[in-house]
Amino acid sequence: MAKTRLEVGRDILKQTLGDAYYAQRVDSTNSFNGSLQRLTDEYCFGEVWGDETLTPKQRSMLVIALLACMGRVQELKTHVGGAVNNGCNVEEIRAVMMQVAIYCGIPAGVEGTRTAEGVLRERKLID
């Protein structure tokens, strides 16, 4: 039997952001945020990320660029980790932040680089 869009989304979410992140997210679900989490699982991850036109790695690179441009630091931290999980290496993440700096502005690139650097240090991928 084929998986529902919601099931596909949750599988992609776990693959991208990790089992620990997903478990914490499930534990924090309540009557206030549950509708938004379901929307995110089903449409963001199930529909958009589930479209195989772009690879998970390509999607991760796009997402970290967009989040850096918007200054969404907390989400950027989460998705830099997801980018690593989806196969992005340090050099690729650095290149994305350089692109952000040129097209969105140096402050966005600097903040994005700082944020990515913190995640990469935490994961012991850089000194």
PDB file of N, CA and C in Angstrom:
ATOM      1  N   MET A   1       0.844  -1.181   0.000  1.00  0.00           N
ATOM      2  CA  MET A   1       0.000   0.000   0.000  1.00  0.00           C
ATOM      3  C   MET A   1       0.886   1.241   0.000  1.00  0.00           C
ATOM      4  N   ALA A   2       0.544   2.191  -0.818  1.00  0.00           N
ATOM      5  CA  ALA A   2       1.336   3.426  -0.927  1.00  0.00           C
ATOM      6  C   ALA A   2       1.201   4.253   0.349  1.00  0.00           C
ATOM      7  N   LYS A   3       2.277   4.924   0.684  1.00  0.00           N
ATOM      8  CA  LYS A   3       2.270   5.800   1.857  1.00  0.00           C
ATOM      9  C   LYS A   3       1.489   7.070   1.558  1.00  0.00           C
ATOM     10  N   THR A   4       0.873   7.599   2.594  1.00  0.00           N
ATOM     11  CA  THR A   4       0.180   8.879   2.450  1.00  0.00           C
ATOM     12  C   THR A   4       1.216   9.995   2.377  1.00  0.00           C
ATOM     13  N   ARG A   5       0.784  11.147   1.929  1.00  0.00           N
ATOM     14  CA  ARG A   5       1.666  12.317   1.872  1.00  0.00           C
ATOM     15  C   ARG A   5       2.193  12.649   3.268  1.00  0.00           C
ATOM     16  N   LEU A   6       1.360  12.490   4.282  1.00  0.00           N
ATOM     17  CA  LEU A   6       1.785  12.748   5.661  1.00  0.00           C
ATOM     18  C   LEU A   6       2.880  11.772   6.084  1.00  0.00           C
ATOM     19  N   GLU A   7       2.727  10.500   5.766  1.00  0.00           N
ATOM     20  CA  GLU A   7       3.747   9.498   6.112  1.00  0.00           C
ATOM     21  C   GLU A   7       5.051   9.769   5.369  1.00  0.00           C
ATOM     22  N   VAL A   8       4.947  10.104   4.097  1.00  0.00           N
ATOM     23  CA  VAL A   8       6.137  10.446   3.307  1.00  0.00           C
ATOM     24  C   VAL A   8       6.840  11.642   3.935  1.00  0.00           C
ATOM     25  N   GLY A   9       6.064  12.664   4.283  1.00  0.00           N
ATOM     26  CA  GLY A   9       6.637  13.862   4.896  1.00  0.00           C
ATOM     27  C   GLY A   9       7.359  13.561   6.190  1.00  0.00           C
ATOM     28  N   ARG A  10       6.761  12.737   7.012  1.00  0.00           N
ATOM     29  CA  ARG A  10       7.397  12.401   8.296  1.00  0.00           C
ATOM     30  C   ARG A  10       8.663  11.588   8.086  1.00  0.00           C
ATOM     31  N   ASP A  11       8.670  10.714   7.095  1.00  0.00           N
ATOM     32  CA  ASP A  11       9.893   9.966   6.773  1.00  0.00           C
ATOM     33  C   ASP A  11      11.005  10.916   6.323  1.00  0.00           C
ATOM     34  N   ILE A  12      10.669  11.865   5.456  1.00  0.00           N
ATOM     35  CA  ILE A  12      11.661  12.831   4.966  1.00  0.00           C
ATOM     36  C   ILE A  12      12.150  13.713   6.106  1.00  0.00           C
ATOM     37  N   LEU A  13      11.248  14.131   6.961  1.00  0.00           N
ATOM     38  CA  LEU A  13      11.615  14.950   8.121  1.00  0.00           C
ATOM     39  C   LEU A  13      12.615  14.213   9.000  1.00  0.00           C
ATOM     40  N   LYS A  14      12.352  12.942   9.288  1.00  0.00           N
ATOM     41  CA  LYS A  14      13.274  12.141  10.106  1.00  0.00           C
ATOM     42  C   LYS A  14      14.623  11.984   9.412  1.00  0.00           C
ATOM     43  N   GLN A  15      14.594  11.696   8.114  1.00  0.00           N
ATOM     44  CA  GLN A  15      15.838  11.507   7.358  1.00  0.00           C
ATOM     45  C   GLN A  15      16.665  12.788   7.353  1.00  0.00           C
ATOM     46  N   THR A  16      16.006  13.917   7.182  1.00  0.00           N
ATOM     47  CA  THR A  16      16.705  15.193   7.058  1.00  0.00           C
ATOM     48  C   THR A  16      17.155  15.735   8.403  1.00  0.00           C
ATOM     49  N   LEU A  17      16.265  15.764   9.365  1.00  0.00           N
ATOM     50  CA  LEU A  17      16.574  16.428  10.636  1.00  0.00           C
ATOM     51  C   LEU A  17      16.939  15.461  11.752  1.00  0.00           C
ATOM     52  N   GLY A  18      16.767  14.178  11.520  1.00  0.00           N
ATOM     53  CA  GLY A  18      17.202  13.170  12.478  1.00  0.00           C
ATOM     54  C   GLY A  18      16.097  12.666  13.391  1.00  0.00           C
ATOM     55  N   ASP A  19      16.287  11.441  13.867  1.00  0.00           N
ATOM     56  CA  ASP A  19      15.304  10.806  14.742  1.00  0.00           C
ATOM     57  C   ASP A  19      15.133  11.562  16.054  1.00  0.00           C
ATOM     58  N   ALA A  20      16.233  12.051  16.628  1.00  0.00           N
ATOM     59  CA  ALA A  20      16.151  12.772  17.910  1.00  0.00           C
ATOM     60  C   ALA A  20      15.328  14.049  17.752  1.00  0.00           C
ATOM     61  N   TYR A  21      15.572  14.792  16.671  1.00  0.00           N
ATOM     62  CA  TYR A  21      14.798  16.009  16.413  1.00  0.00           C
ATOM     63  C   TYR A  21      13.324  15.658  16.264  1.00  0.00           C
ATOM     64  N   TYR A  22      13.048  14.609  15.488  1.00  0.00           N
ATOM     65  CA  TYR A  22      11.658  14.224  15.250  1.00  0.00           C
ATOM     66  C   TYR A  22      10.976  13.807  16.555  1.00  0.00           C
ATOM     67  N   ALA A  23      11.660  13.023  17.378  1.00  0.00           N
ATOM     68  CA  ALA A  23      11.085  12.580  18.655  1.00  0.00           C
ATOM     69  C   ALA A  23      10.785  13.771  19.560  1.00  0.00           C
ATOM     70  N   GLN A  24      11.709  14.728  19.604  1.00  0.00           N
ATOM     71  CA  GLN A  24      11.499  15.932  20.418  1.00  0.00           C
ATOM     72  C   GLN A  24      10.296  16.719  19.889  1.00  0.00           C
ATOM     73  N   ARG A  25      10.189  16.781  18.595  1.00  0.00           N
ATOM     74  CA  ARG A  25       9.077  17.494  17.957  1.00  0.00           C
ATOM     75  C   ARG A  25       7.743  16.831  18.296  1.00  0.00           C
ATOM     76  N   VAL A  26       7.709  15.505  18.222  1.00  0.00           N
ATOM     77  CA  VAL A  26       6.487  14.770  18.564  1.00  0.00           C
ATOM     78  C   VAL A  26       6.131  15.010  20.028  1.00  0.00           C
ATOM     79  N   ASP A  27       7.135  14.951  20.907  1.00  0.00           N
ATOM     80  CA  ASP A  27       6.900  15.170  22.343  1.00  0.00           C
ATOM     81  C   ASP A  27       6.382  16.571  22.642  1.00  0.00           C
ATOM     82  N   SER A  28       6.750  17.535  21.815  1.00  0.00           N
ATOM     83  CA  SER A  28       6.331  18.919  22.070  1.00  0.00           C
ATOM     84  C   SER A  28       5.003  19.274  21.393  1.00  0.00           C
ATOM     85  N   THR A  29       4.432  18.329  20.665  1.00  0.00           N
ATOM     86  CA  THR A  29       3.165  18.589  19.980  1.00  0.00           C
ATOM     87  C   THR A  29       2.036  18.707  21.001  1.00  0.00           C
ATOM     88  N   ASN A  30       1.222  19.739  20.824  1.00  0.00           N
ATOM     89  CA  ASN A  30       0.088  19.961  21.723  1.00  0.00           C
ATOM     90  C   ASN A  30      -1.098  20.494  20.922  1.00  0.00           C
ATOM     91  N   SER A  31      -2.160  20.828  21.625  1.00  0.00           N
ATOM     92  CA  SER A  31      -3.371  21.282  20.929  1.00  0.00           C
ATOM     93  C   SER A  31      -3.179  22.624  20.226  1.00  0.00           C
ATOM     94  N   PHE A  32      -2.189  23.409  20.646  1.00  0.00           N
ATOM     95  CA  PHE A  32      -1.949  24.708  20.016  1.00  0.00           C
ATOM     96  C   PHE A  32      -1.126  24.571  18.740  1.00  0.00           C
ATOM     97  N   ASN A  33      -0.031  23.793  18.784  1.00  0.00           N
ATOM     98  CA  ASN A  33       0.880  23.745  17.637  1.00  0.00           C
ATOM     99  C   ASN A  33       0.679  22.528  16.731  1.00  0.00           C
ATOM    100  N   GLY A  34      -0.180  21.604  17.129  1.00  0.00           N
ATOM    101  CA  GLY A  34      -0.347  20.369  16.366  1.00  0.00           C
ATOM    102  C   GLY A  34      -0.785  20.576  14.925  1.00  0.00           C
ATOM    103  N   SER A  35      -1.674  21.520  14.694  1.00  0.00           N
ATOM    104  CA  SER A  35      -2.153  21.776  13.325  1.00  0.00           C
ATOM    105  C   SER A  35      -1.030  22.278  12.432  1.00  0.00           C
ATOM    106  N   LEU A  36      -0.184  23.159  12.972  1.00  0.00           N
ATOM    107  CA  LEU A  36       0.939  23.678  12.189  1.00  0.00           C
ATOM    108  C   LEU A  36       1.956  22.573  11.910  1.00  0.00           C
ATOM    109  N   GLN A  37       2.228  21.735  12.902  1.00  0.00           N
ATOM    110  CA  GLN A  37       3.176  20.643  12.684  1.00  0.00           C
ATOM    111  C   GLN A  37       2.660  19.672  11.620  1.00  0.00           C
ATOM    112  N   ARG A  38       1.389  19.376  11.664  1.00  0.00           N
ATOM    113  CA  ARG A  38       0.815  18.476  10.654  1.00  0.00           C
ATOM    114  C   ARG A  38       0.898  19.111   9.261  1.00  0.00           C
ATOM    115  N   LEU A  39       0.590  20.395   9.167  1.00  0.00           N
ATOM    116  CA  LEU A  39       0.693  21.117   7.899  1.00  0.00           C
ATOM    117  C   LEU A  39       2.126  21.044   7.362  1.00  0.00           C
ATOM    118  N   THR A  40       3.080  21.275   8.236  1.00  0.00           N
ATOM    119  CA  THR A  40       4.490  21.220   7.847  1.00  0.00           C
ATOM    120  C   THR A  40       4.873  19.814   7.395  1.00  0.00           C
ATOM    121  N   ASP A  41       4.486  18.814   8.177  1.00  0.00           N
ATOM    122  CA  ASP A  41       4.820  17.426   7.832  1.00  0.00           C
ATOM    123  C   ASP A  41       4.238  17.032   6.478  1.00  0.00           C
ATOM    124  N   GLU A  42       2.959  17.349   6.289  1.00  0.00           N
ATOM    125  CA  GLU A  42       2.261  16.884   5.093  1.00  0.00           C
ATOM    126  C   GLU A  42       2.613  17.671   3.840  1.00  0.00           C
ATOM    127  N   TYR A  43       2.655  18.988   3.939  1.00  0.00           N
ATOM    128  CA  TYR A  43       2.845  19.796   2.734  1.00  0.00           C
ATOM    129  C   TYR A  43       4.283  20.244   2.517  1.00  0.00           C
ATOM    130  N   CYS A  44       4.933  20.738   3.559  1.00  0.00           N
ATOM    131  CA  CYS A  44       6.325  21.163   3.389  1.00  0.00           C
ATOM    132  C   CYS A  44       7.197  19.953   3.044  1.00  0.00           C
ATOM    133  N   PHE A  45       7.127  18.930   3.901  1.00  0.00           N
ATOM    134  CA  PHE A  45       7.992  17.770   3.677  1.00  0.00           C
ATOM    135  C   PHE A  45       7.364  16.732   2.750  1.00  0.00           C
ATOM    136  N   GLY A  46       6.086  16.427   2.915  1.00  0.00           N
ATOM    137  CA  GLY A  46       5.457  15.401   2.088  1.00  0.00           C
ATOM    138  C   GLY A  46       5.257  15.814   0.644  1.00  0.00           C
ATOM    139  N   GLU A  47       4.748  17.013   0.437  1.00  0.00           N
ATOM    140  CA  GLU A  47       4.453  17.484  -0.920  1.00  0.00           C
ATOM    141  C   GLU A  47       5.678  18.097  -1.595  1.00  0.00           C
ATOM    142  N   VAL A  48       6.279  19.107  -0.963  1.00  0.00           N
ATOM    143  CA  VAL A  48       7.377  19.835  -1.613  1.00  0.00           C
ATOM    144  C   VAL A  48       8.676  19.032  -1.567  1.00  0.00           C
ATOM    145  N   TRP A  49       9.106  18.649  -0.370  1.00  0.00           N
ATOM    146  CA  TRP A  49      10.337  17.862  -0.281  1.00  0.00           C
ATOM    147  C   TRP A  49      10.155  16.486  -0.927  1.00  0.00           C
ATOM    148  N   GLY A  50       8.925  15.977  -0.963  1.00  0.00           N
ATOM    149  CA  GLY A  50       8.658  14.671  -1.555  1.00  0.00           C
ATOM    150  C   GLY A  50       8.705  14.662  -3.074  1.00  0.00           C
ATOM    151  N   ASP A  51       8.684  15.824  -3.686  1.00  0.00           N
ATOM    152  CA  ASP A  51       8.833  15.940  -5.140  1.00  0.00           C
ATOM    153  C   ASP A  51      10.288  15.619  -5.472  1.00  0.00           C
ATOM    154  N   GLU A  52      10.505  14.638  -6.298  1.00  0.00           N
ATOM    155  CA  GLU A  52      11.864  14.156  -6.565  1.00  0.00           C
ATOM    156  C   GLU A  52      12.612  14.941  -7.638  1.00  0.00           C
ATOM    157  N   THR A  53      12.071  16.076  -8.077  1.00  0.00           N
ATOM    158  CA  THR A  53      12.753  16.891  -9.086  1.00  0.00           C
ATOM    159  C   THR A  53      14.116  17.344  -8.581  1.00  0.00           C
ATOM    160  N   LEU A  54      14.173  17.759  -7.318  1.00  0.00           N
ATOM    161  CA  LEU A  54      15.438  18.131  -6.679  1.00  0.00           C
ATOM    162  C   LEU A  54      15.796  17.063  -5.659  1.00  0.00           C
ATOM    163  N   THR A  55      17.083  16.844  -5.467  1.00  0.00           N
ATOM    164  CA  THR A  55      17.527  15.883  -4.455  1.00  0.00           C
ATOM    165  C   THR A  55      17.383  16.500  -3.061  1.00  0.00           C
ATOM    166  N   PRO A  56      17.358  15.674  -2.026  1.00  0.00           N
ATOM    167  CA  PRO A  56      17.341  16.226  -0.669  1.00  0.00           C
ATOM    168  C   PRO A  56      18.528  17.166  -0.406  1.00  0.00           C
ATOM    169  N   LYS A  57      19.686  16.832  -0.938  1.00  0.00           N
ATOM    170  CA  LYS A  57      20.866  17.692  -0.771  1.00  0.00           C
ATOM    171  C   LYS A  57      20.624  19.058  -1.412  1.00  0.00           C
ATOM    172  N   GLN A  58      20.105  19.073  -2.631  1.00  0.00           N
ATOM    173  CA  GLN A  58      19.819  20.346  -3.304  1.00  0.00           C
ATOM    174  C   GLN A  58      18.782  21.154  -2.530  1.00  0.00           C
ATOM    175  N   ARG A  59      17.751  20.490  -2.042  1.00  0.00           N
ATOM    176  CA  ARG A  59      16.728  21.192  -1.257  1.00  0.00           C
ATOM    177  C   ARG A  59      17.330  21.780   0.016  1.00  0.00           C
ATOM    178  N   SER A  60      18.191  21.018   0.670  1.00  0.00           N
ATOM    179  CA  SER A  60      18.834  21.529   1.888  1.00  0.00           C
ATOM    180  C   SER A  60      19.652  22.774   1.598  1.00  0.00           C
ATOM    181  N   MET A  61      20.383  22.768   0.494  1.00  0.00           N
ATOM    182  CA  MET A  61      21.184  23.941   0.141  1.00  0.00           C
ATOM    183  C   MET A  61      20.285  25.149  -0.116  1.00  0.00           C
ATOM    184  N   LEU A  62      19.174  24.943  -0.795  1.00  0.00           N
ATOM    185  CA  LEU A  62      18.226  26.041  -1.027  1.00  0.00           C
ATOM    186  C   LEU A  62      17.646  26.552   0.285  1.00  0.00           C
ATOM    187  N   VAL A  63      17.254  25.641   1.147  1.00  0.00           N
ATOM    188  CA  VAL A  63      16.630  26.037   2.410  1.00  0.00           C
ATOM    189  C   VAL A  63      17.600  26.819   3.286  1.00  0.00           C
ATOM    190  N   ILE A  64      18.859  26.372   3.392  1.00  0.00           N
ATOM    191  CA  ILE A  64      19.782  27.131   4.251  1.00  0.00           C
ATOM    192  C   ILE A  64      20.069  28.508   3.662  1.00  0.00           C
ATOM    193  N   ALA A  65      20.101  28.607   2.343  1.00  0.00           N
ATOM    194  CA  ALA A  65      20.284  29.928   1.725  1.00  0.00           C
ATOM    195  C   ALA A  65      19.095  30.835   2.042  1.00  0.00           C
ATOM    196  N   LEU A  66      17.898  30.321   1.879  1.00  0.00           N
ATOM    197  CA  LEU A  66      16.697  31.127   2.134  1.00  0.00           C
ATOM    198  C   LEU A  66      16.591  31.531   3.598  1.00  0.00           C
ATOM    199  N   LEU A  67      16.851  30.603   4.501  1.00  0.00           N
ATOM    200  CA  LEU A  67      16.769  30.926   5.931  1.00  0.00           C
ATOM    201  C   LEU A  67      17.820  31.954   6.327  1.00  0.00           C
ATOM    202  N   ALA A  68      19.028  31.832   5.765  1.00  0.00           N
ATOM    203  CA  ALA A  68      20.072  32.829   6.052  1.00  0.00           C
ATOM    204  C   ALA A  68      19.645  34.196   5.528  1.00  0.00           C
ATOM    205  N   CYS A  69      19.077  34.236   4.327  1.00  0.00           N
ATOM    206  CA  CYS A  69      18.620  35.511   3.763  1.00  0.00           C
ATOM    207  C   CYS A  69      17.527  36.149   4.614  1.00  0.00           C
ATOM    208  N   MET A  70      16.680  35.328   5.206  1.00  0.00           N
ATOM    209  CA  MET A  70      15.587  35.848   6.030  1.00  0.00           C
ATOM    210  C   MET A  70      16.010  36.115   7.474  1.00  0.00           C
ATOM    211  N   GLY A  71      17.229  35.698   7.838  1.00  0.00           N
ATOM    212  CA  GLY A  71      17.687  35.906   9.208  1.00  0.00           C
ATOM    213  C   GLY A  71      16.994  35.011  10.221  1.00  0.00           C
ATOM    214  N   ARG A  72      16.546  33.863   9.810  1.00  0.00           N
ATOM    215  CA  ARG A  72      15.849  32.915  10.694  1.00  0.00           C
ATOM    216  C   ARG A  72      16.873  31.969  11.324  1.00  0.00           C
ATOM    217  N   VAL A  73      17.579  32.475  12.320  1.00  0.00           N
ATOM    218  CA  VAL A  73      18.739  31.790  12.890  1.00  0.00           C
ATOM    219  C   VAL A  73      18.389  30.428  13.482  1.00  0.00           C
ATOM    220  N   GLN A  74      17.336  30.334  14.267  1.00  0.00           N
ATOM    221  CA  GLN A  74      17.002  29.053  14.902  1.00  0.00           C
ATOM    222  C   GLN A  74      16.695  27.981  13.860  1.00  0.00           C
ATOM    223  N   GLU A  75      15.896  28.324  12.869  1.00  0.00           N
ATOM    224  CA  GLU A  75      15.595  27.366  11.803  1.00  0.00           C
ATOM    225  C   GLU A  75      16.846  27.057  10.975  1.00  0.00           C
ATOM    226  N   LEU A  76      17.701  28.065  10.786  1.00  0.00           N
ATOM    227  CA  LEU A  76      18.942  27.848  10.040  1.00  0.00           C
ATOM    228  C   LEU A  76      19.813  26.823  10.755  1.00  0.00           C
ATOM    229  N   LYS A  77      19.933  26.931  12.073  1.00  0.00           N
ATOM    230  CA  LYS A  77      20.716  25.940  12.835  1.00  0.00           C
ATOM    231  C   LYS A  77      20.188  24.535  12.569  1.00  0.00           C
ATOM    232  N   THR A  78      18.897  24.394  12.661  1.00  0.00           N
ATOM    233  CA  THR A  78      18.281  23.085  12.442  1.00  0.00           C
ATOM    234  C   THR A  78      18.580  22.575  11.039  1.00  0.00           C
ATOM    235  N   HIS A  79      18.443  23.442  10.047  1.00  0.00           N
ATOM    236  CA  HIS A  79      18.587  22.999   8.660  1.00  0.00           C
ATOM    237  C   HIS A  79      20.035  22.876   8.200  1.00  0.00           C
ATOM    238  N   VAL A  80      20.971  23.535   8.858  1.00  0.00           N
ATOM    239  CA  VAL A  80      22.387  23.263   8.543  1.00  0.00           C
ATOM    240  C   VAL A  80      22.698  21.821   8.948  1.00  0.00           C
ATOM    241  N   GLY A  81      22.202  21.419  10.114  1.00  0.00           N
ATOM    242  CA  GLY A  81      22.353  20.015  10.514  1.00  0.00           C
ATOM    243  C   GLY A  81      21.695  19.084   9.513  1.00  0.00           C
ATOM    244  N   GLY A  82      20.511  19.467   9.038  1.00  0.00           N
ATOM    245  CA  GLY A  82      19.828  18.676   8.022  1.00  0.00           C
ATOM    246  C   GLY A  82      20.607  18.608   6.720  1.00  0.00           C
ATOM    247  N   ALA A  83      21.246  19.711   6.361  1.00  0.00           N
ATOM    248  CA  ALA A  83      22.057  19.735   5.138  1.00  0.00           C
ATOM    249  C   ALA A  83      23.210  18.736   5.247  1.00  0.00           C
ATOM    250  N   VAL A  84      23.840  18.691   6.407  1.00  0.00           N
ATOM    251  CA  VAL A  84      24.912  17.713   6.632  1.00  0.00           C
ATOM    252  C   VAL A  84      24.333  16.299   6.519  1.00  0.00           C
ATOM    253  N   ASN A  85      23.193  16.068   7.155  1.00  0.00           N
ATOM    254  CA  ASN A  85      22.551  14.748   7.080  1.00  0.00           C
ATOM    255  C   ASN A  85      22.216  14.367   5.641  1.00  0.00           C
ATOM    256  N   ASN A  86      21.928  15.361   4.809  1.00  0.00           N
ATOM    257  CA  ASN A  86      21.577  15.104   3.408  1.00  0.00           C
ATOM    258  C   ASN A  86      22.784  15.119   2.475  1.00  0.00           C
ATOM    259  N   GLY A  87      23.994  15.122   3.045  1.00  0.00           N
ATOM    260  CA  GLY A  87      25.189  14.957   2.226  1.00  0.00           C
ATOM    261  C   GLY A  87      25.968  16.209   1.895  1.00  0.00           C
ATOM    262  N   CYS A  88      25.567  17.368   2.401  1.00  0.00           N
ATOM    263  CA  CYS A  88      26.335  18.591   2.145  1.00  0.00           C
ATOM    264  C   CYS A  88      27.616  18.566   2.970  1.00  0.00           C
ATOM    265  N   ASN A  89      28.706  18.983   2.355  1.00  0.00           N
ATOM    266  CA  ASN A  89      29.962  19.057   3.097  1.00  0.00           C
ATOM    267  C   ASN A  89      30.247  20.504   3.500  1.00  0.00           C
ATOM    268  N   VAL A  90      31.295  20.672   4.267  1.00  0.00           N
ATOM    269  CA  VAL A  90      31.656  21.991   4.794  1.00  0.00           C
ATOM    270  C   VAL A  90      31.856  22.998   3.669  1.00  0.00           C
ATOM    271  N   GLU A  91      32.557  22.596   2.617  1.00  0.00           N
ATOM    272  CA  GLU A  91      32.845  23.514   1.515  1.00  0.00           C
ATOM    273  C   GLU A  91      31.560  23.962   0.815  1.00  0.00           C
ATOM    274  N   GLU A  92      30.613  23.059   0.651  1.00  0.00           N
ATOM    275  CA  GLU A  92      29.345  23.418   0.012  1.00  0.00           C
ATOM    276  C   GLU A  92      28.542  24.384   0.880  1.00  0.00           C
ATOM    277  N   ILE A  93      28.527  24.146   2.174  1.00  0.00           N
ATOM    278  CA  ILE A  93      27.806  25.049   3.079  1.00  0.00           C
ATOM    279  C   ILE A  93      28.471  26.421   3.084  1.00  0.00           C
ATOM    280  N   ARG A  94      29.800  26.452   3.077  1.00  0.00           N
ATOM    281  CA  ARG A  94      30.526  27.728   2.989  1.00  0.00           C
ATOM    282  C   ARG A  94      30.163  28.448   1.693  1.00  0.00           C
ATOM    283  N   ALA A  95      30.114  27.728   0.582  1.00  0.00           N
ATOM    284  CA  ALA A  95      29.783  28.329  -0.716  1.00  0.00           C
ATOM    285  C   ALA A  95      28.363  28.902  -0.717  1.00  0.00           C
ATOM    286  N   VAL A  96      27.441  28.222  -0.070  1.00  0.00           N
ATOM    287  CA  VAL A  96      26.070  28.737   0.034  1.00  0.00           C
ATOM    288  C   VAL A  96      26.075  30.061   0.782  1.00  0.00           C
ATOM    289  N   MET A  97      26.821  30.139   1.879  1.00  0.00           N
ATOM    290  CA  MET A  97      26.855  31.378   2.665  1.00  0.00           C
ATOM    291  C   MET A  97      27.540  32.512   1.899  1.00  0.00           C
ATOM    292  N   MET A  98      28.505  32.189   1.067  1.00  0.00           N
ATOM    293  CA  MET A  98      29.123  33.209   0.215  1.00  0.00           C
ATOM    294  C   MET A  98      28.092  33.743  -0.787  1.00  0.00           C
ATOM    295  N   GLN A  99      27.298  32.856  -1.339  1.00  0.00           N
ATOM    296  CA  GLN A  99      26.241  33.252  -2.275  1.00  0.00           C
ATOM    297  C   GLN A  99      25.228  34.160  -1.571  1.00  0.00           C
ATOM    298  N   VAL A 100      24.884  33.797  -0.333  1.00  0.00           N
ATOM    299  CA  VAL A 100      23.971  34.618   0.470  1.00  0.00           C
ATOM    300  C   VAL A 100      24.558  36.013   0.650  1.00  0.00           C
ATOM    301  N   ALA A 101      25.840  36.083   0.998  1.00  0.00           N
ATOM    302  CA  ALA A 101      26.485  37.382   1.239  1.00  0.00           C
ATOM    303  C   ALA A 101      26.422  38.272   0.001  1.00  0.00           C
ATOM    304  N   ILE A 102      26.634  37.694  -1.164  1.00  0.00           N
ATOM    305  CA  ILE A 102      26.641  38.484  -2.395  1.00  0.00           C
ATOM    306  C   ILE A 102      25.234  38.894  -2.813  1.00  0.00           C
ATOM    307  N   TYR A 103      24.289  37.989  -2.746  1.00  0.00           N
ATOM    308  CA  TYR A 103      22.953  38.275  -3.260  1.00  0.00           C
ATOM    309  C   TYR A 103      21.987  38.852  -2.237  1.00  0.00           C
ATOM    310  N   CYS A 104      22.266  38.648  -0.951  1.00  0.00           N
ATOM    311  CA  CYS A 104      21.335  39.124   0.071  1.00  0.00           C
ATOM    312  C   CYS A 104      21.964  40.177   0.973  1.00  0.00           C
ATOM    313  N   GLY A 105      23.281  40.287   0.919  1.00  0.00           N
ATOM    314  CA  GLY A 105      23.975  41.288   1.710  1.00  0.00           C
ATOM    315  C   GLY A 105      24.965  40.669   2.681  1.00  0.00           C
ATOM    316  N   ILE A 106      26.035  41.412   2.908  1.00  0.00           N
ATOM    317  CA  ILE A 106      27.096  40.941   3.802  1.00  0.00           C
ATOM    318  C   ILE A 106      26.561  40.604   5.193  1.00  0.00           C
ATOM    319  N   PRO A 107      25.713  41.446   5.816  1.00  0.00           N
ATOM    320  CA  PRO A 107      25.223  41.079   7.152  1.00  0.00           C
ATOM    321  C   PRO A 107      24.515  39.717   7.180  1.00  0.00           C
ATOM    322  N   ALA A 108      23.714  39.425   6.171  1.00  0.00           N
ATOM    323  CA  ALA A 108      23.041  38.121   6.115  1.00  0.00           C
ATOM    324  C   ALA A 108      24.059  36.998   5.945  1.00  0.00           C
ATOM    325  N   GLY A 109      25.060  37.232   5.117  1.00  0.00           N
ATOM    326  CA  GLY A 109      26.106  36.230   4.915  1.00  0.00           C
ATOM    327  C   GLY A 109      26.933  35.992   6.160  1.00  0.00           C
ATOM    328  N   VAL A 110      27.244  37.073   6.877  1.00  0.00           N
ATOM    329  CA  VAL A 110      28.024  36.950   8.115  1.00  0.00           C
ATOM    330  C   VAL A 110      27.225  36.181   9.164  1.00  0.00           C
ATOM    331  N   GLU A 111      25.972  36.566   9.358  1.00  0.00           N
ATOM    332  CA  GLU A 111      25.134  35.880  10.358  1.00  0.00           C
ATOM    333  C   GLU A 111      24.919  34.421   9.978  1.00  0.00           C
ATOM    334  N   GLY A 112      24.687  34.167   8.704  1.00  0.00           N
ATOM    335  CA  GLY A 112      24.527  32.788   8.239  1.00  0.00           C
ATOM    336  C   GLY A 112      25.785  31.971   8.443  1.00  0.00           C
ATOM    337  N   THR A 113      26.937  32.576   8.161  1.00  0.00           N
ATOM    338  CA  THR A 113      28.212  31.890   8.348  1.00  0.00           C
ATOM    339  C   THR A 113      28.444  31.582   9.820  1.00  0.00           C
ATOM    340  N   ARG A 114      28.184  32.545  10.682  1.00  0.00           N
ATOM    341  CA  ARG A 114      28.343  32.313  12.134  1.00  0.00           C
ATOM    342  C   ARG A 114      27.457  31.166  12.604  1.00  0.00           C
ATOM    343  N   THR A 115      26.231  31.187  12.148  1.00  0.00           N
ATOM    344  CA  THR A 115      25.281  30.153  12.554  1.00  0.00           C
ATOM    345  C   THR A 115      25.731  28.783  12.052  1.00  0.00           C
ATOM    346  N   ALA A 116      26.084  28.701  10.780  1.00  0.00           N
ATOM    347  CA  ALA A 116      26.545  27.437  10.207  1.00  0.00           C
ATOM    348  C   ALA A 116      27.812  26.959  10.908  1.00  0.00           C
ATOM    349  N   GLU A 117      28.716  27.892  11.175  1.00  0.00           N
ATOM    350  CA  GLU A 117      29.967  27.545  11.848  1.00  0.00           C
ATOM    351  C   GLU A 117      29.692  26.897  13.207  1.00  0.00           C
ATOM    352  N   GLY A 118      28.743  27.441  13.948  1.00  0.00           N
ATOM    353  CA  GLY A 118      28.400  26.867  15.248  1.00  0.00           C
ATOM    354  C   GLY A 118      27.925  25.426  15.132  1.00  0.00           C
ATOM    355  N   VAL A 119      27.077  25.160  14.162  1.00  0.00           N
ATOM    356  CA  VAL A 119      26.571  23.800  13.951  1.00  0.00           C
ATOM    357  C   VAL A 119      27.705  22.878  13.517  1.00  0.00           C
ATOM    358  N   LEU A 120      28.542  23.343  12.611  1.00  0.00           N
ATOM    359  CA  LEU A 120      29.643  22.514  12.113  1.00  0.00           C
ATOM    360  C   LEU A 120      30.660  22.217  13.213  1.00  0.00           C
ATOM    361  N   ARG A 121      30.910  23.181  14.092  1.00  0.00           N
ATOM    362  CA  ARG A 121      31.788  22.936  15.250  1.00  0.00           C
ATOM    363  C   ARG A 121      31.173  21.902  16.186  1.00  0.00           C
ATOM    364  N   GLU A 122      29.880  22.072  16.473  1.00  0.00           N
ATOM    365  CA  GLU A 122      29.164  21.129  17.340  1.00  0.00           C
ATOM    366  C   GLU A 122      29.288  19.707  16.826  1.00  0.00           C
ATOM    367  N   ARG A 123      29.242  19.559  15.537  1.00  0.00           N
ATOM    368  CA  ARG A 123      29.340  18.236  14.907  1.00  0.00           C
ATOM    369  C   ARG A 123      30.787  17.815  14.656  1.00  0.00           C
ATOM    370  N   LYS A 124      31.719  18.646  15.098  1.00  0.00           N
ATOM    371  CA  LYS A 124      33.156  18.368  14.962  1.00  0.00           C
ATOM    372  C   LYS A 124      33.591  18.194  13.500  1.00  0.00           C
ATOM    373  N   LEU A 125      32.977  18.984  12.626  1.00  0.00           N
ATOM    374  CA  LEU A 125      33.343  18.969  11.215  1.00  0.00           C
ATOM    375  C   LEU A 125      34.361  20.049  10.883  1.00  0.00           C
ATOM    376  N   ILE A 126      34.506  21.030  11.782  1.00  0.00           N
ATOM    377  CA  ILE A 126      35.542  22.056  11.660  1.00  0.00           C
ATOM    378  C   ILE A 126      36.149  22.276  13.036  1.00  0.00           C
ATOM    379  N   ASP A 127      37.327  22.904  13.052  1.00  0.00           N
ATOM    380  CA  ASP A 127      38.014  23.191  14.329  1.00  0.00           C
ATOM    381  C   ASP A 127      37.413  24.402  14.991  1.00  0.00           C
TER     382      ASP A 127
END
